[in-house]
Amino acid sequence: MAKKNYLVTVNNKTCKACGVCVAFCPVSVFSTDDDDRAVVVATERCTGCGQCELLCPDFCVEVTHIEETVNG
């Protein structure tokens, strides 16, 4: 069975640098920039658990399942 892939994005215009997504991500997808706002550094690690989306107080984080295509 193939690994599921996810796209993780952060809206830095509305992110208030609370650090919740960084603290609760079980696989360290996030880090922070010079202004302490969340940035995605390893989207390939994402397991799709959705904790970042659920816990972000400003709805800045979005996790999207990337559909796999089969060629042939």
C-alpha atoms as a PDB file:
ATOM      1  CA  MET A   1       0.000   0.000   0.000  1.00  0.00           C
ATOM      2  CA  ALA A   2       1.369   3.409  -0.997  1.00  0.00           C
ATOM      3  CA  LYS A   3       2.050   6.143   1.519  1.00  0.00           C
ATOM      4  CA  LYS A   4      -0.572   8.884   1.509  1.00  0.00           C
ATOM      5  CA  ASN A   5       0.762  12.339   0.710  1.00  0.00           C
ATOM      6  CA  TYR A   6      -0.436  15.626   2.132  1.00  0.00           C
ATOM      7  CA  LEU A   7       0.079  19.274   1.293  1.00  0.00           C
ATOM      8  CA  VAL A   8       0.414  21.505   4.348  1.00  0.00           C
ATOM      9  CA  THR A   9       0.052  25.268   4.038  1.00  0.00           C
ATOM     10  CA  VAL A  10       0.123  28.146   6.507  1.00  0.00           C
ATOM     11  CA  ASN A  11      -1.488  31.525   5.858  1.00  0.00           C
ATOM     12  CA  ASN A  12       1.220  33.808   7.228  1.00  0.00           C
ATOM     13  CA  LYS A  13      -0.995  36.867   6.817  1.00  0.00           C
ATOM     14  CA  THR A  14      -3.328  35.636   9.562  1.00  0.00           C
ATOM     15  CA  CYS A  15      -0.853  33.617  11.643  1.00  0.00           C
ATOM     16  CA  LYS A  16      -0.301  35.332  14.984  1.00  0.00           C
ATOM     17  CA  ALA A  17       2.732  33.221  15.965  1.00  0.00           C
ATOM     18  CA  CYS A  18       1.032  31.343  18.798  1.00  0.00           C
ATOM     19  CA  GLY A  19       3.134  28.207  18.192  1.00  0.00           C
ATOM     20  CA  VAL A  20       0.293  25.726  18.635  1.00  0.00           C
ATOM     21  CA  CYS A  21       0.905  23.929  15.331  1.00  0.00           C
ATOM     22  CA  VAL A  22       4.628  23.708  16.036  1.00  0.00           C
ATOM     23  CA  ALA A  23       4.037  22.343  19.533  1.00  0.00           C
ATOM     24  CA  PHE A  24       1.387  19.764  18.676  1.00  0.00           C
ATOM     25  CA  CYS A  25       2.637  18.388  15.359  1.00  0.00           C
ATOM     26  CA  PRO A  26       3.749  14.821  16.156  1.00  0.00           C
ATOM     27  CA  VAL A  27       6.161  14.629  13.203  1.00  0.00           C
ATOM     28  CA  SER A  28       7.740  18.135  13.184  1.00  0.00           C
ATOM     29  CA  VAL A  29       6.311  19.453   9.936  1.00  0.00           C
ATOM     30  CA  PHE A  30       6.601  23.058  11.189  1.00  0.00           C
ATOM     31  CA  SER A  31       9.268  25.479  12.302  1.00  0.00           C
ATOM     32  CA  THR A  32       9.149  29.241  12.840  1.00  0.00           C
ATOM     33  CA  ASP A  33      10.469  32.195  10.889  1.00  0.00           C
ATOM     34  CA  ASP A  34      12.225  35.283  12.275  1.00  0.00           C
ATOM     35  CA  ASP A  35       8.852  36.673  13.405  1.00  0.00           C
ATOM     36  CA  ASP A  36       7.959  33.378  15.160  1.00  0.00           C
ATOM     37  CA  ARG A  37       5.246  32.631  12.591  1.00  0.00           C
ATOM     38  CA  ALA A  38       4.785  29.028  11.532  1.00  0.00           C
ATOM     39  CA  VAL A  39       6.427  27.810   8.355  1.00  0.00           C
ATOM     40  CA  VAL A  40       6.190  24.382   6.759  1.00  0.00           C
ATOM     41  CA  VAL A  41       9.635  22.780   6.613  1.00  0.00           C
ATOM     42  CA  ALA A  42       8.876  19.109   5.981  1.00  0.00           C
ATOM     43  CA  THR A  43       5.497  18.523   4.352  1.00  0.00           C
ATOM     44  CA  GLU A  44       6.657  15.038   3.312  1.00  0.00           C
ATOM     45  CA  ARG A  45       6.531  13.999   6.993  1.00  0.00           C
ATOM     46  CA  CYS A  46       2.836  14.872   7.366  1.00  0.00           C
ATOM     47  CA  THR A  47       0.648  11.922   8.356  1.00  0.00           C
ATOM     48  CA  GLY A  48      -2.624  13.798   7.874  1.00  0.00           C
ATOM     49  CA  CYS A  49      -3.620  13.663  11.549  1.00  0.00           C
ATOM     50  CA  GLY A  50      -5.084  17.181  11.306  1.00  0.00           C
ATOM     51  CA  GLN A  51      -4.063  18.342  14.784  1.00  0.00           C
ATOM     52  CA  CYS A  52      -2.577  21.542  13.371  1.00  0.00           C
ATOM     53  CA  GLU A  53      -5.841  22.409  11.591  1.00  0.00           C
ATOM     54  CA  LEU A  54      -8.007  21.545  14.568  1.00  0.00           C
ATOM     55  CA  LEU A  55      -5.946  23.411  17.140  1.00  0.00           C
ATOM     56  CA  CYS A  56      -5.016  26.559  15.201  1.00  0.00           C
ATOM     57  CA  PRO A  57      -7.083  29.343  16.812  1.00  0.00           C
ATOM     58  CA  ASP A  58      -7.028  31.448  13.638  1.00  0.00           C
ATOM     59  CA  PHE A  59      -7.580  28.698  11.042  1.00  0.00           C
ATOM     60  CA  CYS A  60      -4.234  29.469   9.379  1.00  0.00           C
ATOM     61  CA  VAL A  61      -3.219  25.880   8.685  1.00  0.00           C
ATOM     62  CA  GLU A  62      -4.645  23.695   5.951  1.00  0.00           C
ATOM     63  CA  VAL A  63      -3.864  20.034   5.340  1.00  0.00           C
ATOM     64  CA  THR A  64      -4.943  18.656   1.984  1.00  0.00           C
ATOM     65  CA  HIS A  65      -4.728  15.032   0.888  1.00  0.00           C
ATOM     66  CA  ILE A  66      -2.941  14.786  -2.450  1.00  0.00           C
ATOM     67  CA  GLU A  67      -4.621  12.263  -4.695  1.00  0.00           C
ATOM     68  CA  GLU A  68      -2.231   9.743  -6.135  1.00  0.00           C
ATOM     69  CA  THR A  69      -2.526   9.036  -9.827  1.00  0.00           C
ATOM     70  CA  VAL A  70      -1.685   5.726 -11.413  1.00  0.00           C
ATOM     71  CA  ASN A  71      -0.117   5.876 -14.846  1.00  0.00           C
ATOM     72  CA  GLY A  72      -0.725   3.089 -17.240  1.00  0.00           C
END
